[in-house]
Amino acid sequence: MIYFIILLLLSYLIGSFPTAIISGKITRGIDIREHGSKNAGATNVFRVLGWKPAVVVMIIDVFKGWFASAFIATKLFQDLPIPDIATVQILCGFAAVMGHTYTIFGGFKGGKGVGTLAGMLLALFPIAFPLCLIIFIIALFTTGIVSVCSISAAMSLPIFLYLIPLITTIDSAPQSLQIFSLLIPLFVLYTHRSNIKRLREGTENRFEKVMLFRKKKRAED
């Protein structure tokens, strides 16, 4: 039990690595949480610092979630008698997500956890993940709003897990993963509550350049 708690703490600390905050300090000497959307995530880094730092932040944030679920939960636990390794993967991965969202290295004020959650999902749901990514991309090209993309992708996960065994020969995911997939949309909705408020007010940031069907602005007379 103590060993398990240590691994959860390790996963949390890995997730707590404040990639976006460090990126802001290194590139411009700023706290990224005081600029743009004030979120310590790759999207805000892209908005404030540009695409190169954003790519680095996204890769590292995704890796944090994948590493906790795919390596810490399986490799470090492989010699222990565990009836459901998927549960351990969920707990270690989610500890990393919580570390990203409430980083101990940033006064427990981090990002929304989407990047780290994506890495966790890549380890837990390798078949459904690319399908969720497609939903994310479609939403991005049609709305240009990253928060809508994240929420849409999260909500599609349990649907894909239900449909995949019905239309393919792939076995159903373990029950623990199915239950967890239902909780993911709730977590994403919670961390995006400020975005949802801005969506209702019509003030949410939008990347119009990536939209395929954006309205053309009328020329001034």
C-alpha atoms as a PDB file:
ATOM      1  CA  MET A   1       0.000   0.000   0.000  1.00  0.00           C
ATOM      2  CA  ILE A   2       2.835   2.387   0.871  1.00  0.00           C
ATOM      3  CA  TYR A   3       4.529   1.526  -2.419  1.00  0.00           C
ATOM      4  CA  PHE A   4       1.302   2.330  -4.272  1.00  0.00           C
ATOM      5  CA  ILE A   5       0.981   5.708  -2.523  1.00  0.00           C
ATOM      6  CA  ILE A   6       4.581   6.509  -3.427  1.00  0.00           C
ATOM      7  CA  LEU A   7       3.837   5.827  -7.096  1.00  0.00           C
ATOM      8  CA  LEU A   8       0.768   8.067  -6.958  1.00  0.00           C
ATOM      9  CA  LEU A   9       2.859  10.856  -5.451  1.00  0.00           C
ATOM     10  CA  LEU A  10       5.503  10.284  -8.128  1.00  0.00           C
ATOM     11  CA  SER A  11       2.838  10.518 -10.835  1.00  0.00           C
ATOM     12  CA  TYR A  12       1.502  13.722  -9.268  1.00  0.00           C
ATOM     13  CA  LEU A  13       4.970  15.279  -9.169  1.00  0.00           C
ATOM     14  CA  ILE A  14       5.605  14.371 -12.797  1.00  0.00           C
ATOM     15  CA  GLY A  15       2.292  15.921 -13.757  1.00  0.00           C
ATOM     16  CA  SER A  16       3.142  18.985 -11.680  1.00  0.00           C
ATOM     17  CA  PHE A  17       6.104  19.870 -13.882  1.00  0.00           C
ATOM     18  CA  PRO A  18       4.963  23.418 -14.869  1.00  0.00           C
ATOM     19  CA  THR A  19       5.837  23.312 -18.557  1.00  0.00           C
ATOM     20  CA  ALA A  20       3.874  26.401 -19.617  1.00  0.00           C
ATOM     21  CA  ILE A  21       5.023  28.461 -16.633  1.00  0.00           C
ATOM     22  CA  ILE A  22       8.666  27.603 -17.307  1.00  0.00           C
ATOM     23  CA  SER A  23       8.191  28.386 -20.998  1.00  0.00           C
ATOM     24  CA  GLY A  24       6.907  31.860 -20.150  1.00  0.00           C
ATOM     25  CA  LYS A  25       9.787  32.523 -17.772  1.00  0.00           C
ATOM     26  CA  ILE A  26      12.440  31.368 -20.255  1.00  0.00           C
ATOM     27  CA  THR A  27      11.129  33.033 -23.418  1.00  0.00           C
ATOM     28  CA  ARG A  28       9.866  36.378 -22.088  1.00  0.00           C
ATOM     29  CA  GLY A  29      10.420  36.424 -18.363  1.00  0.00           C
ATOM     30  CA  ILE A  30       6.675  36.446 -17.677  1.00  0.00           C
ATOM     31  CA  ASP A  31       4.165  34.386 -15.753  1.00  0.00           C
ATOM     32  CA  ILE A  32       1.948  32.956 -18.481  1.00  0.00           C
ATOM     33  CA  ARG A  33      -0.908  32.881 -15.961  1.00  0.00           C
ATOM     34  CA  GLU A  34      -1.011  36.687 -16.030  1.00  0.00           C
ATOM     35  CA  HIS A  35      -1.455  36.973 -19.793  1.00  0.00           C
ATOM     36  CA  GLY A  36      -3.935  35.911 -22.455  1.00  0.00           C
ATOM     37  CA  SER A  37      -6.532  33.562 -21.006  1.00  0.00           C
ATOM     38  CA  LYS A  38      -4.384  33.298 -17.845  1.00  0.00           C
ATOM     39  CA  ASN A  39      -4.231  29.528 -18.277  1.00  0.00           C
ATOM     40  CA  ALA A  40      -0.981  27.581 -17.941  1.00  0.00           C
ATOM     41  CA  GLY A  41      -1.546  25.428 -20.993  1.00  0.00           C
ATOM     42  CA  ALA A  42      -0.341  24.992 -24.555  1.00  0.00           C
ATOM     43  CA  THR A  43      -3.208  26.977 -26.094  1.00  0.00           C
ATOM     44  CA  ASN A  44      -2.440  30.067 -24.060  1.00  0.00           C
ATOM     45  CA  VAL A  45       1.282  29.619 -24.721  1.00  0.00           C
ATOM     46  CA  PHE A  46       0.484  29.614 -28.431  1.00  0.00           C
ATOM     47  CA  ARG A  47      -1.604  32.744 -28.028  1.00  0.00           C
ATOM     48  CA  VAL A  48       1.002  34.650 -25.981  1.00  0.00           C
ATOM     49  CA  LEU A  49       4.393  33.199 -26.941  1.00  0.00           C
ATOM     50  CA  GLY A  50       3.890  31.657 -30.379  1.00  0.00           C
ATOM     51  CA  TRP A  51       3.681  28.210 -31.934  1.00  0.00           C
ATOM     52  CA  LYS A  52       7.214  26.953 -31.212  1.00  0.00           C
ATOM     53  CA  PRO A  53       6.995  27.179 -27.390  1.00  0.00           C
ATOM     54  CA  ALA A  54       3.419  25.865 -27.624  1.00  0.00           C
ATOM     55  CA  VAL A  55       4.534  22.717 -29.454  1.00  0.00           C
ATOM     56  CA  VAL A  56       7.195  22.044 -26.826  1.00  0.00           C
ATOM     57  CA  VAL A  57       4.688  22.578 -24.007  1.00  0.00           C
ATOM     58  CA  MET A  58       2.108  20.306 -25.643  1.00  0.00           C
ATOM     59  CA  ILE A  59       4.586  17.478 -26.243  1.00  0.00           C
ATOM     60  CA  ILE A  60       5.853  17.546 -22.653  1.00  0.00           C
ATOM     61  CA  ASP A  61       2.359  17.854 -21.160  1.00  0.00           C
ATOM     62  CA  VAL A  62       1.086  14.908 -23.214  1.00  0.00           C
ATOM     63  CA  PHE A  63       4.157  12.887 -22.265  1.00  0.00           C
ATOM     64  CA  LYS A  64       3.488  13.473 -18.544  1.00  0.00           C
ATOM     65  CA  GLY A  65       0.103  11.768 -18.748  1.00  0.00           C
ATOM     66  CA  TRP A  66       1.349   8.946 -20.971  1.00  0.00           C
ATOM     67  CA  PHE A  67       4.388   8.276 -18.780  1.00  0.00           C
ATOM     68  CA  ALA A  68       2.329   8.026 -15.601  1.00  0.00           C
ATOM     69  CA  SER A  69      -0.192   5.601 -17.114  1.00  0.00           C
ATOM     70  CA  ALA A  70       2.024   3.593 -19.469  1.00  0.00           C
ATOM     71  CA  PHE A  71       5.261   3.384 -17.516  1.00  0.00           C
ATOM     72  CA  ILE A  72       4.819   4.105 -13.813  1.00  0.00           C
ATOM     73  CA  ALA A  73       1.581   2.128 -13.506  1.00  0.00           C
ATOM     74  CA  THR A  74       2.742  -0.900 -15.522  1.00  0.00           C
ATOM     75  CA  LYS A  75       6.539  -1.168 -15.355  1.00  0.00           C
ATOM     76  CA  LEU A  76       6.971  -0.260 -11.690  1.00  0.00           C
ATOM     77  CA  PHE A  77       3.978  -2.376 -10.703  1.00  0.00           C
ATOM     78  CA  GLN A  78       4.666  -5.374 -12.903  1.00  0.00           C
ATOM     79  CA  ASP A  79       6.016  -7.594 -10.110  1.00  0.00           C
ATOM     80  CA  LEU A  80       3.075  -7.035  -7.793  1.00  0.00           C
ATOM     81  CA  PRO A  81      -0.107  -9.174  -7.778  1.00  0.00           C
ATOM     82  CA  ILE A  82      -2.735  -6.725  -9.050  1.00  0.00           C
ATOM     83  CA  PRO A  83      -6.142  -8.009 -10.229  1.00  0.00           C
ATOM     84  CA  ASP A  84      -6.883  -4.983 -12.431  1.00  0.00           C
ATOM     85  CA  ILE A  85      -3.870  -3.114 -13.770  1.00  0.00           C
ATOM     86  CA  ALA A  86      -6.232  -0.755 -15.630  1.00  0.00           C
ATOM     87  CA  THR A  87      -7.344   0.687 -12.277  1.00  0.00           C
ATOM     88  CA  VAL A  88      -3.741   1.400 -11.343  1.00  0.00           C
ATOM     89  CA  GLN A  89      -3.178   3.045 -14.738  1.00  0.00           C
ATOM     90  CA  ILE A  90      -6.232   5.235 -14.195  1.00  0.00           C
ATOM     91  CA  LEU A  91      -5.127   6.327 -10.728  1.00  0.00           C
ATOM     92  CA  CYS A  92      -1.530   7.054 -11.729  1.00  0.00           C
ATOM     93  CA  GLY A  93      -2.585   8.858 -14.894  1.00  0.00           C
ATOM     94  CA  PHE A  94      -5.193  10.922 -13.110  1.00  0.00           C
ATOM     95  CA  ALA A  95      -2.664  11.801 -10.397  1.00  0.00           C
ATOM     96  CA  ALA A  96      -0.525  13.286 -13.181  1.00  0.00           C
ATOM     97  CA  VAL A  97      -3.520  15.198 -14.540  1.00  0.00           C
ATOM     98  CA  MET A  98      -4.261  16.592 -11.090  1.00  0.00           C
ATOM     99  CA  GLY A  99      -0.599  17.543 -10.772  1.00  0.00           C
ATOM    100  CA  HIS A 100      -0.828  19.506 -14.009  1.00  0.00           C
ATOM    101  CA  THR A 101      -4.060  21.202 -12.964  1.00  0.00           C
ATOM    102  CA  TYR A 102      -2.979  21.883  -9.380  1.00  0.00           C
ATOM    103  CA  THR A 103       0.804  22.010  -9.673  1.00  0.00           C
ATOM    104  CA  ILE A 104       2.707  22.153  -6.422  1.00  0.00           C
ATOM    105  CA  PHE A 105       5.392  24.157  -8.233  1.00  0.00           C
ATOM    106  CA  GLY A 106       2.984  26.952  -9.130  1.00  0.00           C
ATOM    107  CA  GLY A 107       0.943  27.574  -6.016  1.00  0.00           C
ATOM    108  CA  PHE A 108      -1.495  24.813  -7.022  1.00  0.00           C
ATOM    109  CA  LYS A 109      -2.607  26.905  -9.992  1.00  0.00           C
ATOM    110  CA  GLY A 110      -1.830  25.167 -13.270  1.00  0.00           C
ATOM    111  CA  GLY A 111      -3.570  24.394 -16.550  1.00  0.00           C
ATOM    112  CA  LYS A 112      -6.833  22.713 -17.408  1.00  0.00           C
ATOM    113  CA  GLY A 113      -5.215  19.301 -17.740  1.00  0.00           C
ATOM    114  CA  VAL A 114      -6.268  18.602 -21.331  1.00  0.00           C
ATOM    115  CA  GLY A 115      -2.768  17.916 -22.681  1.00  0.00           C
ATOM    116  CA  THR A 116      -1.821  15.611 -19.811  1.00  0.00           C
ATOM    117  CA  LEU A 117      -5.239  13.973 -19.992  1.00  0.00           C
ATOM    118  CA  ALA A 118      -4.669  13.362 -23.714  1.00  0.00           C
ATOM    119  CA  GLY A 119      -1.413  11.564 -22.902  1.00  0.00           C
ATOM    120  CA  MET A 120      -3.204   9.482 -20.322  1.00  0.00           C
ATOM    121  CA  LEU A 121      -5.919   8.578 -22.822  1.00  0.00           C
ATOM    122  CA  LEU A 122      -3.272   7.646 -25.382  1.00  0.00           C
ATOM    123  CA  ALA A 123      -1.983   5.045 -22.928  1.00  0.00           C
ATOM    124  CA  LEU A 124      -5.385   3.827 -21.744  1.00  0.00           C
ATOM    125  CA  PHE A 125      -7.444   4.028 -24.942  1.00  0.00           C
ATOM    126  CA  PRO A 126      -5.040   3.578 -27.901  1.00  0.00           C
ATOM    127  CA  ILE A 127      -7.903   2.604 -30.236  1.00  0.00           C
ATOM    128  CA  ALA A 128     -10.367   5.334 -29.238  1.00  0.00           C
ATOM    129  CA  PHE A 129      -7.777   8.094 -28.882  1.00  0.00           C
ATOM    130  CA  PRO A 130      -7.274   8.791 -32.628  1.00  0.00           C
ATOM    131  CA  LEU A 131     -11.054   8.889 -33.084  1.00  0.00           C
ATOM    132  CA  CYS A 132     -11.350  11.472 -30.305  1.00  0.00           C
ATOM    133  CA  LEU A 133      -8.512  13.394 -31.940  1.00  0.00           C
ATOM    134  CA  ILE A 134     -10.475  13.462 -35.196  1.00  0.00           C
ATOM    135  CA  ILE A 135     -13.448  14.937 -33.320  1.00  0.00           C
ATOM    136  CA  PHE A 136     -11.109  17.558 -31.830  1.00  0.00           C
ATOM    137  CA  ILE A 137      -9.765  18.509 -35.277  1.00  0.00           C
ATOM    138  CA  ILE A 138     -13.224  18.681 -36.850  1.00  0.00           C
ATOM    139  CA  ALA A 139     -14.435  20.939 -34.041  1.00  0.00           C
ATOM    140  CA  LEU A 140     -11.335  23.107 -34.435  1.00  0.00           C
ATOM    141  CA  PHE A 141     -11.854  23.581 -38.176  1.00  0.00           C
ATOM    142  CA  THR A 142     -15.563  24.332 -37.759  1.00  0.00           C
ATOM    143  CA  THR A 143     -15.600  26.483 -34.606  1.00  0.00           C
ATOM    144  CA  GLY A 144     -12.030  27.659 -34.058  1.00  0.00           C
ATOM    145  CA  ILE A 145     -12.638  27.403 -30.304  1.00  0.00           C
ATOM    146  CA  VAL A 146     -10.225  25.097 -28.475  1.00  0.00           C
ATOM    147  CA  SER A 147     -12.451  24.722 -25.419  1.00  0.00           C
ATOM    148  CA  VAL A 148     -15.271  23.416 -27.619  1.00  0.00           C
ATOM    149  CA  CYS A 149     -12.800  21.005 -29.233  1.00  0.00           C
ATOM    150  CA  SER A 150     -11.646  19.661 -25.858  1.00  0.00           C
ATOM    151  CA  ILE A 151     -15.187  19.232 -24.538  1.00  0.00           C
ATOM    152  CA  SER A 152     -16.375  17.571 -27.757  1.00  0.00           C
ATOM    153  CA  ALA A 153     -13.450  15.127 -27.804  1.00  0.00           C
ATOM    154  CA  ALA A 154     -13.971  14.234 -24.132  1.00  0.00           C
ATOM    155  CA  MET A 155     -17.682  13.612 -24.623  1.00  0.00           C
ATOM    156  CA  SER A 156     -17.030  11.406 -27.648  1.00  0.00           C
ATOM    157  CA  LEU A 157     -14.758   9.004 -25.720  1.00  0.00           C
ATOM    158  CA  PRO A 158     -17.422   6.928 -23.905  1.00  0.00           C
ATOM    159  CA  ILE A 159     -19.451   6.818 -27.121  1.00  0.00           C
ATOM    160  CA  PHE A 160     -16.521   5.390 -29.074  1.00  0.00           C
ATOM    161  CA  LEU A 161     -15.778   2.854 -26.323  1.00  0.00           C
ATOM    162  CA  TYR A 162     -19.379   1.662 -26.614  1.00  0.00           C
ATOM    163  CA  LEU A 163     -19.426   1.550 -30.412  1.00  0.00           C
ATOM    164  CA  ILE A 164     -16.020   0.024 -31.175  1.00  0.00           C
ATOM    165  CA  PRO A 165     -16.860  -3.506 -29.869  1.00  0.00           C
ATOM    166  CA  LEU A 166     -20.186  -3.377 -31.722  1.00  0.00           C
ATOM    167  CA  ILE A 167     -18.769  -2.596 -35.160  1.00  0.00           C
ATOM    168  CA  THR A 168     -15.337  -4.291 -34.900  1.00  0.00           C
ATOM    169  CA  THR A 169     -13.833  -7.501 -33.523  1.00  0.00           C
ATOM    170  CA  ILE A 170     -12.058  -5.584 -30.763  1.00  0.00           C
ATOM    171  CA  ASP A 171     -13.039  -6.642 -27.250  1.00  0.00           C
ATOM    172  CA  SER A 172     -14.722  -4.244 -24.876  1.00  0.00           C
ATOM    173  CA  ALA A 173     -12.522  -2.181 -22.575  1.00  0.00           C
ATOM    174  CA  PRO A 174     -12.265  -3.291 -18.922  1.00  0.00           C
ATOM    175  CA  GLN A 175     -15.171  -2.107 -16.807  1.00  0.00           C
ATOM    176  CA  SER A 176     -12.929   0.217 -14.818  1.00  0.00           C
ATOM    177  CA  LEU A 177     -11.927   2.025 -18.032  1.00  0.00           C
ATOM    178  CA  GLN A 178     -15.531   2.253 -19.206  1.00  0.00           C
ATOM    179  CA  ILE A 179     -16.593   3.841 -15.925  1.00  0.00           C
ATOM    180  CA  PHE A 180     -13.632   6.218 -16.003  1.00  0.00           C
ATOM    181  CA  SER A 181     -14.480   7.262 -19.562  1.00  0.00           C
ATOM    182  CA  LEU A 182     -17.825   8.533 -18.271  1.00  0.00           C
ATOM    183  CA  LEU A 183     -16.075  10.687 -15.678  1.00  0.00           C
ATOM    184  CA  ILE A 184     -13.660  12.308 -18.130  1.00  0.00           C
ATOM    185  CA  PRO A 185     -16.286  14.611 -19.740  1.00  0.00           C
ATOM    186  CA  LEU A 186     -17.347  15.766 -16.268  1.00  0.00           C
ATOM    187  CA  PHE A 187     -13.755  16.628 -15.358  1.00  0.00           C
ATOM    188  CA  VAL A 188     -13.215  18.506 -18.622  1.00  0.00           C
ATOM    189  CA  LEU A 189     -16.469  20.414 -18.157  1.00  0.00           C
ATOM    190  CA  TYR A 190     -15.389  21.347 -14.630  1.00  0.00           C
ATOM    191  CA  THR A 191     -11.948  22.608 -15.640  1.00  0.00           C
ATOM    192  CA  HIS A 192     -13.500  24.532 -18.544  1.00  0.00           C
ATOM    193  CA  ARG A 193     -16.256  26.186 -16.508  1.00  0.00           C
ATOM    194  CA  SER A 194     -14.792  29.663 -17.122  1.00  0.00           C
ATOM    195  CA  ASN A 195     -14.652  28.906 -20.861  1.00  0.00           C
ATOM    196  CA  ILE A 196     -18.272  27.775 -20.798  1.00  0.00           C
ATOM    197  CA  LYS A 197     -19.209  31.059 -19.148  1.00  0.00           C
ATOM    198  CA  ARG A 198     -17.421  32.988 -21.915  1.00  0.00           C
ATOM    199  CA  LEU A 199     -19.101  30.821 -24.538  1.00  0.00           C
ATOM    200  CA  ARG A 200     -22.501  31.760 -23.129  1.00  0.00           C
ATOM    201  CA  GLU A 201     -21.477  35.410 -23.138  1.00  0.00           C
ATOM    202  CA  GLY A 202     -20.064  35.178 -26.659  1.00  0.00           C
ATOM    203  CA  THR A 203     -16.602  36.341 -25.556  1.00  0.00           C
ATOM    204  CA  GLU A 204     -14.618  33.096 -25.841  1.00  0.00           C
ATOM    205  CA  ASN A 205     -11.376  33.352 -27.823  1.00  0.00           C
ATOM    206  CA  ARG A 206     -11.522  31.932 -31.331  1.00  0.00           C
ATOM    207  CA  PHE A 207      -8.759  30.993 -33.791  1.00  0.00           C
ATOM    208  CA  GLU A 208     -10.486  32.194 -36.935  1.00  0.00           C
ATOM    209  CA  LYS A 209      -7.513  31.434 -39.201  1.00  0.00           C
ATOM    210  CA  VAL A 210      -8.032  27.684 -38.839  1.00  0.00           C
ATOM    211  CA  MET A 211     -11.776  27.821 -39.523  1.00  0.00           C
ATOM    212  CA  LEU A 212     -12.832  26.402 -42.878  1.00  0.00           C
ATOM    213  CA  PHE A 213     -16.159  28.217 -43.004  1.00  0.00           C
ATOM    214  CA  ARG A 214     -15.415  31.564 -41.376  1.00  0.00           C
ATOM    215  CA  LYS A 215     -17.420  34.573 -42.448  1.00  0.00           C
ATOM    216  CA  LYS A 216     -15.613  37.116 -44.558  1.00  0.00           C
ATOM    217  CA  LYS A 217     -15.472  40.597 -43.097  1.00  0.00           C
ATOM    218  CA  ARG A 218     -17.195  43.274 -45.102  1.00  0.00           C
ATOM    219  CA  ALA A 219     -14.973  45.889 -46.629  1.00  0.00           C
ATOM    220  CA  GLU A 220     -15.338  49.345 -45.113  1.00  0.00           C
ATOM    221  CA  ASP A 221     -17.053  51.906 -47.309  1.00  0.00           C
END
